[in-house]
Amino acid sequence: MVKLNCYHCGSDRLARNGLTQNDKQRYVCSDCGRTSRDNPQPNGYTEEDRERILRAYHERSSLRGLSRTFGVSRQTVTG
């Protein structure tokens, strides 16, 4: 059996705490009270992708052009 540790404080005192919207097990830490999944994946885009989009933006690319080129929505580029 694999022992999980809290990703926030490192404690091994985790308790099951329901499921996420994607039916992944959620855990709550008994020490810091924060919740996490057993194998969290980073959300959003990599730092490299963000830098490339920002560089293109500074080179005066249009928002629509950026969204087409990088496959992201205009709201993502402006947000």
PDB file of N, CA and C in Angstrom:
ATOM      1  N   MET A   1       0.830  -1.180   0.000  1.00  0.00           N
ATOM      2  CA  MET A   1       0.000   0.000   0.000  1.00  0.00           C
ATOM      3  C   MET A   1       0.877   1.247   0.000  1.00  0.00           C
ATOM      4  N   VAL A   2       0.523   2.209  -0.828  1.00  0.00           N
ATOM      5  CA  VAL A   2       1.293   3.436  -0.954  1.00  0.00           C
ATOM      6  C   VAL A   2       0.819   4.437   0.093  1.00  0.00           C
ATOM      7  N   LYS A   3       1.755   5.007   0.818  1.00  0.00           N
ATOM      8  CA  LYS A   3       1.438   6.004   1.837  1.00  0.00           C
ATOM      9  C   LYS A   3       1.521   7.387   1.208  1.00  0.00           C
ATOM     10  N   LEU A   4       0.454   8.156   1.311  1.00  0.00           N
ATOM     11  CA  LEU A   4       0.412   9.487   0.728  1.00  0.00           C
ATOM     12  C   LEU A   4       0.827  10.535   1.743  1.00  0.00           C
ATOM     13  N   ASN A   5       1.436  11.594   1.253  1.00  0.00           N
ATOM     14  CA  ASN A   5       1.796  12.737   2.083  1.00  0.00           C
ATOM     15  C   ASN A   5       1.082  13.973   1.562  1.00  0.00           C
ATOM     16  N   CYS A   6       0.817  14.907   2.443  1.00  0.00           N
ATOM     17  CA  CYS A   6       0.192  16.169   2.066  1.00  0.00           C
ATOM     18  C   CYS A   6       1.158  16.957   1.179  1.00  0.00           C
ATOM     19  N   TYR A   7       0.651  17.480   0.068  1.00  0.00           N
ATOM     20  CA  TYR A   7       1.493  18.254  -0.837  1.00  0.00           C
ATOM     21  C   TYR A   7       1.759  19.651  -0.310  1.00  0.00           C
ATOM     22  N   HIS A   8       1.036  20.059   0.710  1.00  0.00           N
ATOM     23  CA  HIS A   8       1.191  21.402   1.244  1.00  0.00           C
ATOM     24  C   HIS A   8       2.137  21.444   2.442  1.00  0.00           C
ATOM     25  N   CYS A   9       1.975  20.496   3.373  1.00  0.00           N
ATOM     26  CA  CYS A   9       2.799  20.538   4.588  1.00  0.00           C
ATOM     27  C   CYS A   9       3.668  19.291   4.774  1.00  0.00           C
ATOM     28  N   GLY A  10       3.459  18.243   3.970  1.00  0.00           N
ATOM     29  CA  GLY A  10       4.278  17.038   4.059  1.00  0.00           C
ATOM     30  C   GLY A  10       3.793  16.008   5.063  1.00  0.00           C
ATOM     31  N   SER A  11       2.723  16.285   5.775  1.00  0.00           N
ATOM     32  CA  SER A  11       2.198  15.361   6.778  1.00  0.00           C
ATOM     33  C   SER A  11       1.683  14.081   6.122  1.00  0.00           C
ATOM     34  N   ASP A  12       1.743  12.975   6.877  1.00  0.00           N
ATOM     35  CA  ASP A  12       1.201  11.715   6.358  1.00  0.00           C
ATOM     36  C   ASP A  12      -0.177  11.416   6.951  1.00  0.00           C
ATOM     37  N   ARG A  13      -0.773  12.385   7.634  1.00  0.00           N
ATOM     38  CA  ARG A  13      -2.085  12.205   8.258  1.00  0.00           C
ATOM     39  C   ARG A  13      -3.181  12.710   7.326  1.00  0.00           C
ATOM     40  N   LEU A  14      -3.489  11.914   6.301  1.00  0.00           N
ATOM     41  CA  LEU A  14      -4.515  12.266   5.327  1.00  0.00           C
ATOM     42  C   LEU A  14      -5.734  11.386   5.507  1.00  0.00           C
ATOM     43  N   ALA A  15      -6.893  11.961   5.286  1.00  0.00           N
ATOM     44  CA  ALA A  15      -8.147  11.213   5.350  1.00  0.00           C
ATOM     45  C   ALA A  15      -8.896  11.429   4.043  1.00  0.00           C
ATOM     46  N   ARG A  16      -9.601  10.410   3.604  1.00  0.00           N
ATOM     47  CA  ARG A  16     -10.388  10.545   2.382  1.00  0.00           C
ATOM     48  C   ARG A  16     -11.479  11.584   2.596  1.00  0.00           C
ATOM     49  N   ASN A  17     -11.741  12.359   1.538  1.00  0.00           N
ATOM     50  CA  ASN A  17     -12.670  13.477   1.668  1.00  0.00           C
ATOM     51  C   ASN A  17     -13.490  13.641   0.388  1.00  0.00           C
ATOM     52  N   GLY A  18     -14.150  12.578  -0.030  1.00  0.00           N
ATOM     53  CA  GLY A  18     -15.012  12.658  -1.203  1.00  0.00           C
ATOM     54  C   GLY A  18     -14.260  12.533  -2.511  1.00  0.00           C
ATOM     55  N   LEU A  19     -14.940  12.927  -3.587  1.00  0.00           N
ATOM     56  CA  LEU A  19     -14.387  12.826  -4.932  1.00  0.00           C
ATOM     57  C   LEU A  19     -14.399  14.191  -5.601  1.00  0.00           C
ATOM     58  N   THR A  20     -13.489  14.378  -6.554  1.00  0.00           N
ATOM     59  CA  THR A  20     -13.479  15.596  -7.352  1.00  0.00           C
ATOM     60  C   THR A  20     -14.543  15.486  -8.430  1.00  0.00           C
ATOM     61  N   GLN A  21     -14.704  16.529  -9.244  1.00  0.00           N
ATOM     62  CA  GLN A  21     -15.670  16.506 -10.339  1.00  0.00           C
ATOM     63  C   GLN A  21     -15.324  15.431 -11.357  1.00  0.00           C
ATOM     64  N   ASN A  22     -14.052  15.052 -11.434  1.00  0.00           N
ATOM     65  CA  ASN A  22     -13.601  14.033 -12.380  1.00  0.00           C
ATOM     66  C   ASN A  22     -13.530  12.653 -11.742  1.00  0.00           C
ATOM     67  N   ASP A  23     -14.207  12.470 -10.622  1.00  0.00           N
ATOM     68  CA  ASP A  23     -14.244  11.197  -9.896  1.00  0.00           C
ATOM     69  C   ASP A  23     -12.873  10.735  -9.419  1.00  0.00           C
ATOM     70  N   LYS A  24     -12.007  11.673  -9.055  1.00  0.00           N
ATOM     71  CA  LYS A  24     -10.714  11.352  -8.453  1.00  0.00           C
ATOM     72  C   LYS A  24     -10.853  11.494  -6.943  1.00  0.00           C
ATOM     73  N   GLN A  25     -10.169  10.639  -6.199  1.00  0.00           N
ATOM     74  CA  GLN A  25     -10.253  10.679  -4.742  1.00  0.00           C
ATOM     75  C   GLN A  25      -9.648  11.970  -4.208  1.00  0.00           C
ATOM     76  N   ARG A  26     -10.345  12.628  -3.302  1.00  0.00           N
ATOM     77  CA  ARG A  26      -9.865  13.839  -2.661  1.00  0.00           C
ATOM     78  C   ARG A  26      -9.500  13.494  -1.224  1.00  0.00           C
ATOM     79  N   TYR A  27      -8.431  14.099  -0.724  1.00  0.00           N
ATOM     80  CA  TYR A  27      -7.963  13.865   0.642  1.00  0.00           C
ATOM     81  C   TYR A  27      -7.887  15.192   1.383  1.00  0.00           C
ATOM     82  N   VAL A  28      -8.086  15.135   2.696  1.00  0.00           N
ATOM     83  CA  VAL A  28      -7.924  16.309   3.541  1.00  0.00           C
ATOM     84  C   VAL A  28      -6.822  16.000   4.550  1.00  0.00           C
ATOM     85  N   CYS A  29      -5.953  16.973   4.787  1.00  0.00           N
ATOM     86  CA  CYS A  29      -4.849  16.805   5.730  1.00  0.00           C
ATOM     87  C   CYS A  29      -5.345  17.114   7.136  1.00  0.00           C
ATOM     88  N   SER A  30      -5.049  16.235   8.076  1.00  0.00           N
ATOM     89  CA  SER A  30      -5.468  16.439   9.465  1.00  0.00           C
ATOM     90  C   SER A  30      -4.638  17.511  10.159  1.00  0.00           C
ATOM     91  N   ASP A  31      -3.453  17.820   9.622  1.00  0.00           N
ATOM     92  CA  ASP A  31      -2.591  18.817  10.254  1.00  0.00           C
ATOM     93  C   ASP A  31      -2.862  20.239   9.758  1.00  0.00           C
ATOM     94  N   CYS A  32      -2.851  20.432   8.430  1.00  0.00           N
ATOM     95  CA  CYS A  32      -3.031  21.794   7.912  1.00  0.00           C
ATOM     96  C   CYS A  32      -4.450  22.060   7.431  1.00  0.00           C
ATOM     97  N   GLY A  33      -5.274  21.012   7.274  1.00  0.00           N
ATOM     98  CA  GLY A  33      -6.666  21.184   6.891  1.00  0.00           C
ATOM     99  C   GLY A  33      -6.906  21.426   5.412  1.00  0.00           C
ATOM    100  N   ARG A  34      -5.857  21.401   4.598  1.00  0.00           N
ATOM    101  CA  ARG A  34      -6.022  21.644   3.170  1.00  0.00           C
ATOM    102  C   ARG A  34      -6.335  20.344   2.449  1.00  0.00           C
ATOM    103  N   THR A  35      -6.949  20.454   1.278  1.00  0.00           N
ATOM    104  CA  THR A  35      -7.318  19.271   0.512  1.00  0.00           C
ATOM    105  C   THR A  35      -6.445  19.145  -0.720  1.00  0.00           C
ATOM    106  N   SER A  36      -6.309  17.911  -1.206  1.00  0.00           N
ATOM    107  CA  SER A  36      -5.568  17.654  -2.438  1.00  0.00           C
ATOM    108  C   SER A  36      -5.971  16.294  -2.971  1.00  0.00           C
ATOM    109  N   ARG A  37      -5.522  16.006  -4.173  1.00  0.00           N
ATOM    110  CA  ARG A  37      -5.740  14.692  -4.766  1.00  0.00           C
ATOM    111  C   ARG A  37      -4.499  13.849  -4.538  1.00  0.00           C
ATOM    112  N   ASP A  38      -4.604  12.559  -4.866  1.00  0.00           N
ATOM    113  CA  ASP A  38      -3.461  11.682  -4.637  1.00  0.00           C
ATOM    114  C   ASP A  38      -2.342  11.919  -5.640  1.00  0.00           C
ATOM    115  N   ASN A  39      -2.649  12.363  -6.852  1.00  0.00           N
ATOM    116  CA  ASN A  39      -1.625  12.625  -7.854  1.00  0.00           C
ATOM    117  C   ASN A  39      -2.016  13.878  -8.629  1.00  0.00           C
ATOM    118  N   PRO A  40      -1.886  15.052  -8.021  1.00  0.00           N
ATOM    119  CA  PRO A  40      -2.356  16.258  -8.698  1.00  0.00           C
ATOM    120  C   PRO A  40      -1.512  16.593  -9.915  1.00  0.00           C
ATOM    121  N   GLN A  41      -2.179  16.989 -10.974  1.00  0.00           N
ATOM    122  CA  GLN A  41      -1.511  17.436 -12.185  1.00  0.00           C
ATOM    123  C   GLN A  41      -1.612  18.955 -12.239  1.00  0.00           C
ATOM    124  N   PRO A  42      -0.585  19.603 -12.755  1.00  0.00           N
ATOM    125  CA  PRO A  42      -0.671  21.060 -12.843  1.00  0.00           C
ATOM    126  C   PRO A  42      -1.767  21.495 -13.798  1.00  0.00           C
ATOM    127  N   ASN A  43      -2.470  22.541 -13.440  1.00  0.00           N
ATOM    128  CA  ASN A  43      -3.522  23.082 -14.289  1.00  0.00           C
ATOM    129  C   ASN A  43      -2.941  24.140 -15.206  1.00  0.00           C
ATOM    130  N   GLY A  44      -3.578  24.324 -16.329  1.00  0.00           N
ATOM    131  CA  GLY A  44      -3.189  25.414 -17.208  1.00  0.00           C
ATOM    132  C   GLY A  44      -2.052  25.061 -18.138  1.00  0.00           C
ATOM    133  N   TYR A  45      -1.256  26.043 -18.442  1.00  0.00           N
ATOM    134  CA  TYR A  45      -0.203  25.928 -19.441  1.00  0.00           C
ATOM    135  C   TYR A  45       1.161  25.951 -18.769  1.00  0.00           C
ATOM    136  N   THR A  46       2.136  25.383 -19.453  1.00  0.00           N
ATOM    137  CA  THR A  46       3.489  25.376 -18.908  1.00  0.00           C
ATOM    138  C   THR A  46       4.059  26.788 -18.947  1.00  0.00           C
ATOM    139  N   GLU A  47       5.073  27.005 -18.173  1.00  0.00           N
ATOM    140  CA  GLU A  47       5.729  28.314 -18.144  1.00  0.00           C
ATOM    141  C   GLU A  47       6.298  28.651 -19.522  1.00  0.00           C
ATOM    142  N   GLU A  48       6.809  27.649 -20.210  1.00  0.00           N
ATOM    143  CA  GLU A  48       7.361  27.854 -21.555  1.00  0.00           C
ATOM    144  C   GLU A  48       6.275  28.327 -22.523  1.00  0.00           C
ATOM    145  N   ASP A  49       5.092  27.699 -22.460  1.00  0.00           N
ATOM    146  CA  ASP A  49       3.982  28.116 -23.322  1.00  0.00           C
ATOM    147  C   ASP A  49       3.557  29.547 -23.013  1.00  0.00           C
ATOM    148  N   ARG A  50       3.481  29.885 -21.747  1.00  0.00           N
ATOM    149  CA  ARG A  50       3.091  31.243 -21.365  1.00  0.00           C
ATOM    150  C   ARG A  50       4.085  32.272 -21.884  1.00  0.00           C
ATOM    151  N   GLU A  51       5.381  31.945 -21.780  1.00  0.00           N
ATOM    152  CA  GLU A  51       6.405  32.872 -22.257  1.00  0.00           C
ATOM    153  C   GLU A  51       6.322  33.063 -23.762  1.00  0.00           C
ATOM    154  N   ARG A  52       6.069  31.981 -24.509  1.00  0.00           N
ATOM    155  CA  ARG A  52       5.952  32.089 -25.969  1.00  0.00           C
ATOM    156  C   ARG A  52       4.756  32.952 -26.350  1.00  0.00           C
ATOM    157  N   ILE A  53       3.630  32.757 -25.689  1.00  0.00           N
ATOM    158  CA  ILE A  53       2.439  33.553 -25.985  1.00  0.00           C
ATOM    159  C   ILE A  53       2.685  35.019 -25.634  1.00  0.00           C
ATOM    160  N   LEU A  54       3.313  35.265 -24.499  1.00  0.00           N
ATOM    161  CA  LEU A  54       3.587  36.638 -24.081  1.00  0.00           C
ATOM    162  C   LEU A  54       4.563  37.324 -25.033  1.00  0.00           C
ATOM    163  N   ARG A  55       5.588  36.589 -25.485  1.00  0.00           N
ATOM    164  CA  ARG A  55       6.535  37.146 -26.451  1.00  0.00           C
ATOM    165  C   ARG A  55       5.822  37.552 -27.740  1.00  0.00           C
ATOM    166  N   ALA A  56       4.951  36.663 -28.226  1.00  0.00           N
ATOM    167  CA  ALA A  56       4.202  36.964 -29.447  1.00  0.00           C
ATOM    168  C   ALA A  56       3.276  38.155 -29.230  1.00  0.00           C
ATOM    169  N   TYR A  57       2.702  38.269 -28.052  1.00  0.00           N
ATOM    170  CA  TYR A  57       1.832  39.403 -27.732  1.00  0.00           C
ATOM    171  C   TYR A  57       2.622  40.711 -27.758  1.00  0.00           C
ATOM    172  N   HIS A  58       3.830  40.686 -27.203  1.00  0.00           N
ATOM    173  CA  HIS A  58       4.669  41.885 -27.189  1.00  0.00           C
ATOM    174  C   HIS A  58       5.166  42.244 -28.584  1.00  0.00           C
ATOM    175  N   GLU A  59       5.154  41.292 -29.494  1.00  0.00           N
ATOM    176  CA  GLU A  59       5.534  41.564 -30.884  1.00  0.00           C
ATOM    177  C   GLU A  59       4.334  42.039 -31.695  1.00  0.00           C
ATOM    178  N   ARG A  60       3.288  42.477 -30.998  1.00  0.00           N
ATOM    179  CA  ARG A  60       2.106  43.095 -31.592  1.00  0.00           C
ATOM    180  C   ARG A  60       1.219  42.132 -32.360  1.00  0.00           C
ATOM    181  N   SER A  61       1.210  40.856 -32.002  1.00  0.00           N
ATOM    182  CA  SER A  61       0.263  39.920 -32.606  1.00  0.00           C
ATOM    183  C   SER A  61      -1.129  40.229 -32.071  1.00  0.00           C
ATOM    184  N   SER A  62      -2.135  40.021 -32.904  1.00  0.00           N
ATOM    185  CA  SER A  62      -3.506  40.259 -32.457  1.00  0.00           C
ATOM    186  C   SER A  62      -3.949  39.136 -31.523  1.00  0.00           C
ATOM    187  N   LEU A  63      -4.955  39.424 -30.713  1.00  0.00           N
ATOM    188  CA  LEU A  63      -5.461  38.403 -29.797  1.00  0.00           C
ATOM    189  C   LEU A  63      -6.046  37.228 -30.572  1.00  0.00           C
ATOM    190  N   ARG A  64      -6.752  37.519 -31.654  1.00  0.00           N
ATOM    191  CA  ARG A  64      -7.301  36.428 -32.467  1.00  0.00           C
ATOM    192  C   ARG A  64      -6.182  35.614 -33.099  1.00  0.00           C
ATOM    193  N   GLY A  65      -5.145  36.297 -33.543  1.00  0.00           N
ATOM    194  CA  GLY A  65      -4.003  35.592 -34.121  1.00  0.00           C
ATOM    195  C   GLY A  65      -3.316  34.698 -33.100  1.00  0.00           C
ATOM    196  N   LEU A  66      -3.166  35.208 -31.887  1.00  0.00           N
ATOM    197  CA  LEU A  66      -2.556  34.404 -30.824  1.00  0.00           C
ATOM    198  C   LEU A  66      -3.406  33.185 -30.510  1.00  0.00           C
ATOM    199  N   SER A  67      -4.716  33.375 -30.443  1.00  0.00           N
ATOM    200  CA  SER A  67      -5.580  32.244 -30.111  1.00  0.00           C
ATOM    201  C   SER A  67      -5.541  31.195 -31.216  1.00  0.00           C
ATOM    202  N   ARG A  68      -5.472  31.631 -32.476  1.00  0.00           N
ATOM    203  CA  ARG A  68      -5.364  30.668 -33.584  1.00  0.00           C
ATOM    204  C   ARG A  68      -4.011  29.969 -33.578  1.00  0.00           C
ATOM    205  N   THR A  69      -2.946  30.730 -33.409  1.00  0.00           N
ATOM    206  CA  THR A  69      -1.591  30.181 -33.478  1.00  0.00           C
ATOM    207  C   THR A  69      -1.323  29.170 -32.370  1.00  0.00           C
ATOM    208  N   PHE A  70      -1.725  29.508 -31.149  1.00  0.00           N
ATOM    209  CA  PHE A  70      -1.390  28.671 -30.003  1.00  0.00           C
ATOM    210  C   PHE A  70      -2.517  27.747 -29.571  1.00  0.00           C
ATOM    211  N   GLY A  71      -3.678  27.871 -30.202  1.00  0.00           N
ATOM    212  CA  GLY A  71      -4.785  26.979 -29.871  1.00  0.00           C
ATOM    213  C   GLY A  71      -5.397  27.241 -28.509  1.00  0.00           C
ATOM    214  N   VAL A  72      -5.395  28.510 -28.092  1.00  0.00           N
ATOM    215  CA  VAL A  72      -6.007  28.888 -26.816  1.00  0.00           C
ATOM    216  C   VAL A  72      -7.115  29.892 -27.098  1.00  0.00           C
ATOM    217  N   SER A  73      -8.032  30.052 -26.161  1.00  0.00           N
ATOM    218  CA  SER A  73      -9.125  30.998 -26.364  1.00  0.00           C
ATOM    219  C   SER A  73      -8.633  32.428 -26.146  1.00  0.00           C
ATOM    220  N   ARG A  74      -9.388  33.382 -26.682  1.00  0.00           N
ATOM    221  CA  ARG A  74      -9.029  34.791 -26.475  1.00  0.00           C
ATOM    222  C   ARG A  74      -9.110  35.157 -25.003  1.00  0.00           C
ATOM    223  N   GLN A  75     -10.049  34.561 -24.284  1.00  0.00           N
ATOM    224  CA  GLN A  75     -10.170  34.843 -22.853  1.00  0.00           C
ATOM    225  C   GLN A  75      -8.914  34.391 -22.106  1.00  0.00           C
ATOM    226  N   THR A  76      -8.305  33.303 -22.564  1.00  0.00           N
ATOM    227  CA  THR A  76      -7.075  32.826 -21.935  1.00  0.00           C
ATOM    228  C   THR A  76      -5.948  33.815 -22.168  1.00  0.00           C
ATOM    229  N   VAL A  77      -5.865  34.355 -23.364  1.00  0.00           N
ATOM    230  CA  VAL A  77      -4.797  35.295 -23.696  1.00  0.00           C
ATOM    231  C   VAL A  77      -4.971  36.600 -22.927  1.00  0.00           C
ATOM    232  N   THR A  78      -6.195  37.084 -22.790  1.00  0.00           N
ATOM    233  CA  THR A  78      -6.410  38.361 -22.113  1.00  0.00           C
ATOM    234  C   THR A  78      -6.475  38.214 -20.599  1.00  0.00           C
ATOM    235  N   GLY A  79      -6.784  37.011 -20.109  1.00  0.00           N
ATOM    236  CA  GLY A  79      -6.947  36.812 -18.671  1.00  0.00           C
ATOM    237  C   GLY A  79      -5.662  36.602 -18.013  1.00  0.00           C
TER     238      GLY A  79
END
